[in-house]
Amino acid sequence: MSMPDVKVNTWITVGESNIHAYVFTVRSETEVSAGYYQNKAKEVKEDFVWDGACWNFKGSGVSASYLRGHDAAIVRNGPPMR
């Protein structure tokens, strides 16, 4: 799969579980900080990396931070229906 053109305020799909994550920060072509709805209970932000085929969690341990307010609402509402 080719490298996707990722931008702030867009949605990416993460891992084999196809988690939808909203991009808040683009750190490089292969690393972003994005928010997602964890376990249908919490809005969190975490770093993701492009592995050449898909986006994956950057770290193996707990590294997420909770989102609040407007950012949490964006993540809770999910990507627009197509």
PDB file of N, CA and C in Angstrom:
ATOM      1  N   MET A   1       0.850  -1.184   0.000  1.00  0.00           N
ATOM      2  CA  MET A   1       0.000   0.000   0.000  1.00  0.00           C
ATOM      3  C   MET A   1       0.890   1.239   0.000  1.00  0.00           C
ATOM      4  N   SER A   2       0.499   2.255  -0.759  1.00  0.00           N
ATOM      5  CA  SER A   2       1.302   3.469  -0.823  1.00  0.00           C
ATOM      6  C   SER A   2       1.066   4.345   0.399  1.00  0.00           C
ATOM      7  N   MET A   3       2.016   5.195   0.654  1.00  0.00           N
ATOM      8  CA  MET A   3       1.953   6.112   1.789  1.00  0.00           C
ATOM      9  C   MET A   3       0.758   7.051   1.606  1.00  0.00           C
ATOM     10  N   PRO A   4      -0.148   7.091   2.583  1.00  0.00           N
ATOM     11  CA  PRO A   4      -1.306   7.982   2.463  1.00  0.00           C
ATOM     12  C   PRO A   4      -0.910   9.438   2.692  1.00  0.00           C
ATOM     13  N   ASP A   5      -1.650  10.333   2.096  1.00  0.00           N
ATOM     14  CA  ASP A   5      -1.451  11.762   2.307  1.00  0.00           C
ATOM     15  C   ASP A   5      -2.251  12.140   3.543  1.00  0.00           C
ATOM     16  N   VAL A   6      -1.593  12.246   4.682  1.00  0.00           N
ATOM     17  CA  VAL A   6      -2.285  12.502   5.940  1.00  0.00           C
ATOM     18  C   VAL A   6      -2.176  13.977   6.307  1.00  0.00           C
ATOM     19  N   LYS A   7      -3.284  14.534   6.775  1.00  0.00           N
ATOM     20  CA  LYS A   7      -3.345  15.945   7.146  1.00  0.00           C
ATOM     21  C   LYS A   7      -4.079  16.101   8.471  1.00  0.00           C
ATOM     22  N   VAL A   8      -3.843  17.216   9.136  1.00  0.00           N
ATOM     23  CA  VAL A   8      -4.581  17.569  10.349  1.00  0.00           C
ATOM     24  C   VAL A   8      -6.060  17.684   9.990  1.00  0.00           C
ATOM     25  N   ASN A   9      -6.922  17.304  10.912  1.00  0.00           N
ATOM     26  CA  ASN A   9      -8.382  17.366  10.755  1.00  0.00           C
ATOM     27  C   ASN A   9      -8.933  16.330   9.789  1.00  0.00           C
ATOM     28  N   THR A  10      -8.203  15.233   9.576  1.00  0.00           N
ATOM     29  CA  THR A  10      -8.705  14.129   8.766  1.00  0.00           C
ATOM     30  C   THR A  10      -8.699  12.860   9.608  1.00  0.00           C
ATOM     31  N   TRP A  11      -9.339  11.826   9.100  1.00  0.00           N
ATOM     32  CA  TRP A  11      -9.431  10.550   9.808  1.00  0.00           C
ATOM     33  C   TRP A  11      -8.496   9.534   9.176  1.00  0.00           C
ATOM     34  N   ILE A  12      -7.867   8.704  10.010  1.00  0.00           N
ATOM     35  CA  ILE A  12      -7.073   7.576   9.543  1.00  0.00           C
ATOM     36  C   ILE A  12      -7.676   6.300  10.123  1.00  0.00           C
ATOM     37  N   THR A  13      -7.295   5.173   9.553  1.00  0.00           N
ATOM     38  CA  THR A  13      -7.713   3.879  10.071  1.00  0.00           C
ATOM     39  C   THR A  13      -6.466   3.191  10.625  1.00  0.00           C
ATOM     40  N   VAL A  14      -6.580   2.695  11.860  1.00  0.00           N
ATOM     41  CA  VAL A  14      -5.420   2.149  12.566  1.00  0.00           C
ATOM     42  C   VAL A  14      -5.535   0.636  12.741  1.00  0.00           C
ATOM     43  N   GLY A  15      -4.448  -0.060  12.394  1.00  0.00           N
ATOM     44  CA  GLY A  15      -4.304  -1.478  12.681  1.00  0.00           C
ATOM     45  C   GLY A  15      -5.319  -2.397  12.034  1.00  0.00           C
ATOM     46  N   GLU A  16      -5.208  -3.661  12.407  1.00  0.00           N
ATOM     47  CA  GLU A  16      -6.099  -4.698  11.883  1.00  0.00           C
ATOM     48  C   GLU A  16      -7.528  -4.538  12.376  1.00  0.00           C
ATOM     49  N   SER A  17      -7.698  -3.846  13.499  1.00  0.00           N
ATOM     50  CA  SER A  17      -9.033  -3.629  14.058  1.00  0.00           C
ATOM     51  C   SER A  17      -9.775  -2.498  13.359  1.00  0.00           C
ATOM     52  N   ASN A  18      -9.087  -1.791  12.451  1.00  0.00           N
ATOM     53  CA  ASN A  18      -9.690  -0.669  11.720  1.00  0.00           C
ATOM     54  C   ASN A  18     -10.278   0.390  12.634  1.00  0.00           C
ATOM     55  N   ILE A  19      -9.512   0.800  13.625  1.00  0.00           N
ATOM     56  CA  ILE A  19      -9.926   1.863  14.541  1.00  0.00           C
ATOM     57  C   ILE A  19      -9.856   3.195  13.799  1.00  0.00           C
ATOM     58  N   HIS A  20     -10.913   3.992  13.879  1.00  0.00           N
ATOM     59  CA  HIS A  20     -10.932   5.311  13.267  1.00  0.00           C
ATOM     60  C   HIS A  20     -10.311   6.303  14.250  1.00  0.00           C
ATOM     61  N   ALA A  21      -9.318   7.067  13.768  1.00  0.00           N
ATOM     62  CA  ALA A  21      -8.638   8.046  14.607  1.00  0.00           C
ATOM     63  C   ALA A  21      -8.562   9.378  13.882  1.00  0.00           C
ATOM     64  N   TYR A  22      -8.821  10.449  14.622  1.00  0.00           N
ATOM     65  CA  TYR A  22      -8.849  11.802  14.083  1.00  0.00           C
ATOM     66  C   TYR A  22      -7.485  12.450  14.294  1.00  0.00           C
ATOM     67  N   VAL A  23      -6.866  12.917  13.210  1.00  0.00           N
ATOM     68  CA  VAL A  23      -5.513  13.461  13.283  1.00  0.00           C
ATOM     69  C   VAL A  23      -5.529  14.881  13.847  1.00  0.00           C
ATOM     70  N   PHE A  24      -4.823  15.060  14.974  1.00  0.00           N
ATOM     71  CA  PHE A  24      -4.663  16.383  15.587  1.00  0.00           C
ATOM     72  C   PHE A  24      -3.329  17.016  15.212  1.00  0.00           C
ATOM     73  N   THR A  25      -2.279  16.194  15.073  1.00  0.00           N
ATOM     74  CA  THR A  25      -0.944  16.700  14.770  1.00  0.00           C
ATOM     75  C   THR A  25      -0.238  15.750  13.804  1.00  0.00           C
ATOM     76  N   VAL A  26       0.392  16.318  12.790  1.00  0.00           N
ATOM     77  CA  VAL A  26       1.241  15.533  11.901  1.00  0.00           C
ATOM     78  C   VAL A  26       2.679  15.834  12.314  1.00  0.00           C
ATOM     79  N   ARG A  27       3.354  14.833  12.849  1.00  0.00           N
ATOM     80  CA  ARG A  27       4.733  15.009  13.308  1.00  0.00           C
ATOM     81  C   ARG A  27       5.729  14.815  12.166  1.00  0.00           C
ATOM     82  N   SER A  28       5.423  13.905  11.261  1.00  0.00           N
ATOM     83  CA  SER A  28       6.227  13.650  10.062  1.00  0.00           C
ATOM     84  C   SER A  28       5.349  12.878   9.082  1.00  0.00           C
ATOM     85  N   GLU A  29       5.898  12.497   7.950  1.00  0.00           N
ATOM     86  CA  GLU A  29       5.124  11.724   6.978  1.00  0.00           C
ATOM     87  C   GLU A  29       4.691  10.376   7.531  1.00  0.00           C
ATOM     88  N   THR A  30       5.426   9.881   8.529  1.00  0.00           N
ATOM     89  CA  THR A  30       5.140   8.543   9.052  1.00  0.00           C
ATOM     90  C   THR A  30       4.703   8.536  10.507  1.00  0.00           C
ATOM     91  N   GLU A  31       4.459   9.706  11.094  1.00  0.00           N
ATOM     92  CA  GLU A  31       4.028   9.753  12.502  1.00  0.00           C
ATOM     93  C   GLU A  31       3.001  10.860  12.716  1.00  0.00           C
ATOM     94  N   VAL A  32       1.901  10.488  13.403  1.00  0.00           N
ATOM     95  CA  VAL A  32       0.850  11.448  13.732  1.00  0.00           C
ATOM     96  C   VAL A  32       0.415  11.264  15.182  1.00  0.00           C
ATOM     97  N   SER A  33      -0.238  12.288  15.692  1.00  0.00           N
ATOM     98  CA  SER A  33      -0.909  12.208  16.982  1.00  0.00           C
ATOM     99  C   SER A  33      -2.395  12.317  16.675  1.00  0.00           C
ATOM    100  N   ALA A  34      -3.165  11.311  17.095  1.00  0.00           N
ATOM    101  CA  ALA A  34      -4.582  11.264  16.719  1.00  0.00           C
ATOM    102  C   ALA A  34      -5.431  10.779  17.892  1.00  0.00           C
ATOM    103  N   GLY A  35      -6.704  11.170  17.867  1.00  0.00           N
ATOM    104  CA  GLY A  35      -7.633  10.766  18.909  1.00  0.00           C
ATOM    105  C   GLY A  35      -8.578   9.689  18.422  1.00  0.00           C
ATOM    106  N   TYR A  36      -8.948   8.806  19.325  1.00  0.00           N
ATOM    107  CA  TYR A  36      -9.892   7.737  18.989  1.00  0.00           C
ATOM    108  C   TYR A  36     -10.744   7.415  20.210  1.00  0.00           C
ATOM    109  N   TYR A  37     -11.818   6.703  19.973  1.00  0.00           N
ATOM    110  CA  TYR A  37     -12.779   6.349  21.021  1.00  0.00           C
ATOM    111  C   TYR A  37     -12.390   4.966  21.541  1.00  0.00           C
ATOM    112  N   GLN A  38     -11.764   4.930  22.702  1.00  0.00           N
ATOM    113  CA  GLN A  38     -11.229   3.691  23.267  1.00  0.00           C
ATOM    114  C   GLN A  38     -12.301   2.915  24.018  1.00  0.00           C
ATOM    115  N   ASN A  39     -12.516   1.679  23.619  1.00  0.00           N
ATOM    116  CA  ASN A  39     -13.466   0.779  24.282  1.00  0.00           C
ATOM    117  C   ASN A  39     -14.868   1.360  24.393  1.00  0.00           C
ATOM    118  N   LYS A  40     -15.239   2.194  23.433  1.00  0.00           N
ATOM    119  CA  LYS A  40     -16.565   2.835  23.423  1.00  0.00           C
ATOM    120  C   LYS A  40     -16.875   3.548  24.735  1.00  0.00           C
ATOM    121  N   ALA A  41     -15.817   4.034  25.416  1.00  0.00           N
ATOM    122  CA  ALA A  41     -16.031   4.651  26.714  1.00  0.00           C
ATOM    123  C   ALA A  41     -15.196   5.910  26.943  1.00  0.00           C
ATOM    124  N   LYS A  42     -14.029   6.039  26.296  1.00  0.00           N
ATOM    125  CA  LYS A  42     -13.130   7.156  26.578  1.00  0.00           C
ATOM    126  C   LYS A  42     -12.560   7.714  25.285  1.00  0.00           C
ATOM    127  N   GLU A  43     -12.483   9.033  25.220  1.00  0.00           N
ATOM    128  CA  GLU A  43     -11.845   9.697  24.088  1.00  0.00           C
ATOM    129  C   GLU A  43     -10.392   9.945  24.473  1.00  0.00           C
ATOM    130  N   VAL A  44      -9.467   9.376  23.712  1.00  0.00           N
ATOM    131  CA  VAL A  44      -8.046   9.499  24.039  1.00  0.00           C
ATOM    132  C   VAL A  44      -7.241   9.908  22.811  1.00  0.00           C
ATOM    133  N   LYS A  45      -6.042  10.449  23.075  1.00  0.00           N
ATOM    134  CA  LYS A  45      -5.111  10.826  22.009  1.00  0.00           C
ATOM    135  C   LYS A  45      -3.828  10.028  22.200  1.00  0.00           C
ATOM    136  N   GLU A  46      -3.287   9.566  21.070  1.00  0.00           N
ATOM    137  CA  GLU A  46      -2.094   8.732  21.119  1.00  0.00           C
ATOM    138  C   GLU A  46      -1.299   8.930  19.826  1.00  0.00           C
ATOM    139  N   ASP A  47      -0.037   8.513  19.840  1.00  0.00           N
ATOM    140  CA  ASP A  47       0.799   8.617  18.650  1.00  0.00           C
ATOM    141  C   ASP A  47       0.707   7.336  17.829  1.00  0.00           C
ATOM    142  N   PHE A  48       0.711   7.512  16.500  1.00  0.00           N
ATOM    143  CA  PHE A  48       0.630   6.401  15.562  1.00  0.00           C
ATOM    144  C   PHE A  48       1.735   6.541  14.530  1.00  0.00           C
ATOM    145  N   VAL A  49       2.208   5.403  14.009  1.00  0.00           N
ATOM    146  CA  VAL A  49       3.250   5.398  12.989  1.00  0.00           C
ATOM    147  C   VAL A  49       2.795   4.582  11.782  1.00  0.00           C
ATOM    148  N   TRP A  50       3.260   4.990  10.610  1.00  0.00           N
ATOM    149  CA  TRP A  50       2.997   4.279   9.367  1.00  0.00           C
ATOM    150  C   TRP A  50       4.089   3.227   9.210  1.00  0.00           C
ATOM    151  N   ASP A  51       3.712   1.966   9.044  1.00  0.00           N
ATOM    152  CA  ASP A  51       4.698   0.886   8.955  1.00  0.00           C
ATOM    153  C   ASP A  51       4.974   0.444   7.520  1.00  0.00           C
ATOM    154  N   GLY A  52       4.465   1.187   6.563  1.00  0.00           N
ATOM    155  CA  GLY A  52       4.635   0.835   5.160  1.00  0.00           C
ATOM    156  C   GLY A  52       3.386   0.206   4.577  1.00  0.00           C
ATOM    157  N   ALA A  53       2.490  -0.269   5.453  1.00  0.00           N
ATOM    158  CA  ALA A  53       1.252  -0.895   4.999  1.00  0.00           C
ATOM    159  C   ALA A  53       0.021  -0.300   5.671  1.00  0.00           C
ATOM    160  N   CYS A  54       0.162   0.108   6.937  1.00  0.00           N
ATOM    161  CA  CYS A  54      -0.975   0.683   7.661  1.00  0.00           C
ATOM    162  C   CYS A  54      -0.475   1.489   8.856  1.00  0.00           C
ATOM    163  N   TRP A  55      -1.412   2.216   9.485  1.00  0.00           N
ATOM    164  CA  TRP A  55      -1.100   2.967  10.702  1.00  0.00           C
ATOM    165  C   TRP A  55      -1.191   2.018  11.893  1.00  0.00           C
ATOM    166  N   ASN A  56      -0.254   2.158  12.826  1.00  0.00           N
ATOM    167  CA  ASN A  56      -0.232   1.337  14.038  1.00  0.00           C
ATOM    168  C   ASN A  56       0.108   2.204  15.237  1.00  0.00           C
ATOM    169  N   PHE A  57      -0.222   1.692  16.426  1.00  0.00           N
ATOM    170  CA  PHE A  57       0.143   2.385  17.657  1.00  0.00           C
ATOM    171  C   PHE A  57       1.655   2.490  17.733  1.00  0.00           C
ATOM    172  N   LYS A  58       2.161   3.655  18.135  1.00  0.00           N
ATOM    173  CA  LYS A  58       3.603   3.852  18.200  1.00  0.00           C
ATOM    174  C   LYS A  58       4.224   3.040  19.330  1.00  0.00           C
ATOM    175  N   GLY A  59       3.621   3.084  20.506  1.00  0.00           N
ATOM    176  CA  GLY A  59       4.179   2.382  21.654  1.00  0.00           C
ATOM    177  C   GLY A  59       3.406   1.128  21.988  1.00  0.00           C
ATOM    178  N   SER A  60       4.045   0.261  22.748  1.00  0.00           N
ATOM    179  CA  SER A  60       3.364  -0.978  23.144  1.00  0.00           C
ATOM    180  C   SER A  60       2.704  -0.838  24.517  1.00  0.00           C
ATOM    181  N   GLY A  61       3.083   0.181  25.270  1.00  0.00           N
ATOM    182  CA  GLY A  61       2.494   0.389  26.591  1.00  0.00           C
ATOM    183  C   GLY A  61       1.428   1.470  26.555  1.00  0.00           C
ATOM    184  N   VAL A  62       0.932   1.811  27.710  1.00  0.00           N
ATOM    185  CA  VAL A  62      -0.081   2.852  27.830  1.00  0.00           C
ATOM    186  C   VAL A  62       0.589   4.213  27.653  1.00  0.00           C
ATOM    187  N   SER A  63       0.177   4.938  26.621  1.00  0.00           N
ATOM    188  CA  SER A  63       0.763   6.255  26.376  1.00  0.00           C
ATOM    189  C   SER A  63      -0.289   7.275  25.956  1.00  0.00           C
ATOM    190  N   ALA A  64      -1.536   6.928  26.099  1.00  0.00           N
ATOM    191  CA  ALA A  64      -2.629   7.809  25.682  1.00  0.00           C
ATOM    192  C   ALA A  64      -2.916   8.872  26.736  1.00  0.00           C
ATOM    193  N   SER A  65      -3.457   9.988  26.264  1.00  0.00           N
ATOM    194  CA  SER A  65      -3.935  11.021  27.175  1.00  0.00           C
ATOM    195  C   SER A  65      -5.413  11.269  26.868  1.00  0.00           C
ATOM    196  N   TYR A  66      -6.178  11.619  27.904  1.00  0.00           N
ATOM    197  CA  TYR A  66      -7.614  11.840  27.732  1.00  0.00           C
ATOM    198  C   TYR A  66      -7.869  13.152  26.995  1.00  0.00           C
ATOM    199  N   LEU A  67      -8.893  13.144  26.149  1.00  0.00           N
ATOM    200  CA  LEU A  67      -9.330  14.350  25.460  1.00  0.00           C
ATOM    201  C   LEU A  67     -10.504  14.956  26.211  1.00  0.00           C
ATOM    202  N   ARG A  68     -10.688  16.255  26.048  1.00  0.00           N
ATOM    203  CA  ARG A  68     -11.800  16.963  26.691  1.00  0.00           C
ATOM    204  C   ARG A  68     -12.436  17.932  25.700  1.00  0.00           C
ATOM    205  N   GLY A  69     -13.616  18.389  26.048  1.00  0.00           N
ATOM    206  CA  GLY A  69     -14.293  19.435  25.295  1.00  0.00           C
ATOM    207  C   GLY A  69     -14.508  19.120  23.827  1.00  0.00           C
ATOM    208  N   HIS A  70     -14.191  20.108  22.991  1.00  0.00           N
ATOM    209  CA  HIS A  70     -14.430  20.013  21.543  1.00  0.00           C
ATOM    210  C   HIS A  70     -13.689  18.831  20.925  1.00  0.00           C
ATOM    211  N   ASP A  71     -12.424  18.626  21.316  1.00  0.00           N
ATOM    212  CA  ASP A  71     -11.643  17.515  20.759  1.00  0.00           C
ATOM    213  C   ASP A  71     -12.283  16.171  21.091  1.00  0.00           C
ATOM    214  N   ALA A  72     -12.752  16.022  22.314  1.00  0.00           N
ATOM    215  CA  ALA A  72     -13.419  14.778  22.717  1.00  0.00           C
ATOM    216  C   ALA A  72     -14.704  14.568  21.912  1.00  0.00           C
ATOM    217  N   ALA A  73     -15.436  15.639  21.670  1.00  0.00           N
ATOM    218  CA  ALA A  73     -16.690  15.534  20.912  1.00  0.00           C
ATOM    219  C   ALA A  73     -16.440  15.089  19.472  1.00  0.00           C
ATOM    220  N   ILE A  74     -15.393  15.602  18.843  1.00  0.00           N
ATOM    221  CA  ILE A  74     -15.063  15.190  17.478  1.00  0.00           C
ATOM    222  C   ILE A  74     -14.838  13.687  17.439  1.00  0.00           C
ATOM    223  N   VAL A  75     -14.025  13.185  18.363  1.00  0.00           N
ATOM    224  CA  VAL A  75     -13.689  11.765  18.400  1.00  0.00           C
ATOM    225  C   VAL A  75     -14.927  10.926  18.728  1.00  0.00           C
ATOM    226  N   ARG A  76     -15.710  11.362  19.679  1.00  0.00           N
ATOM    227  CA  ARG A  76     -16.924  10.623  20.098  1.00  0.00           C
ATOM    228  C   ARG A  76     -17.907  10.489  18.928  1.00  0.00           C
ATOM    229  N   ASN A  77     -18.035  11.537  18.125  1.00  0.00           N
ATOM    230  CA  ASN A  77     -18.980  11.524  16.999  1.00  0.00           C
ATOM    231  C   ASN A  77     -18.477  10.691  15.832  1.00  0.00           C
ATOM    232  N   GLY A  78     -17.196  10.451  15.752  1.00  0.00           N
ATOM    233  CA  GLY A  78     -16.630   9.600  14.708  1.00  0.00           C
ATOM    234  C   GLY A  78     -16.565  10.259  13.359  1.00  0.00           C
ATOM    235  N   PRO A  79     -16.012   9.530  12.378  1.00  0.00           N
ATOM    236  CA  PRO A  79     -15.883  10.091  11.035  1.00  0.00           C
ATOM    237  C   PRO A  79     -17.240  10.257  10.378  1.00  0.00           C
ATOM    238  N   PRO A  80     -17.320  11.210   9.427  1.00  0.00           N
ATOM    239  CA  PRO A  80     -18.584  11.402   8.704  1.00  0.00           C
ATOM    240  C   PRO A  80     -18.939  10.160   7.899  1.00  0.00           C
ATOM    241  N   MET A  81     -20.211   9.912   7.760  1.00  0.00           N
ATOM    242  CA  MET A  81     -20.686   8.780   6.968  1.00  0.00           C
ATOM    243  C   MET A  81     -20.451   9.089   5.499  1.00  0.00           C
ATOM    244  N   ARG A  82     -20.061   8.087   4.746  1.00  0.00           N
ATOM    245  CA  ARG A  82     -19.815   8.296   3.298  1.00  0.00           C
ATOM    246  C   ARG A  82     -20.893   7.662   2.495  1.00  0.00           C
TER     247      ARG A  82
END
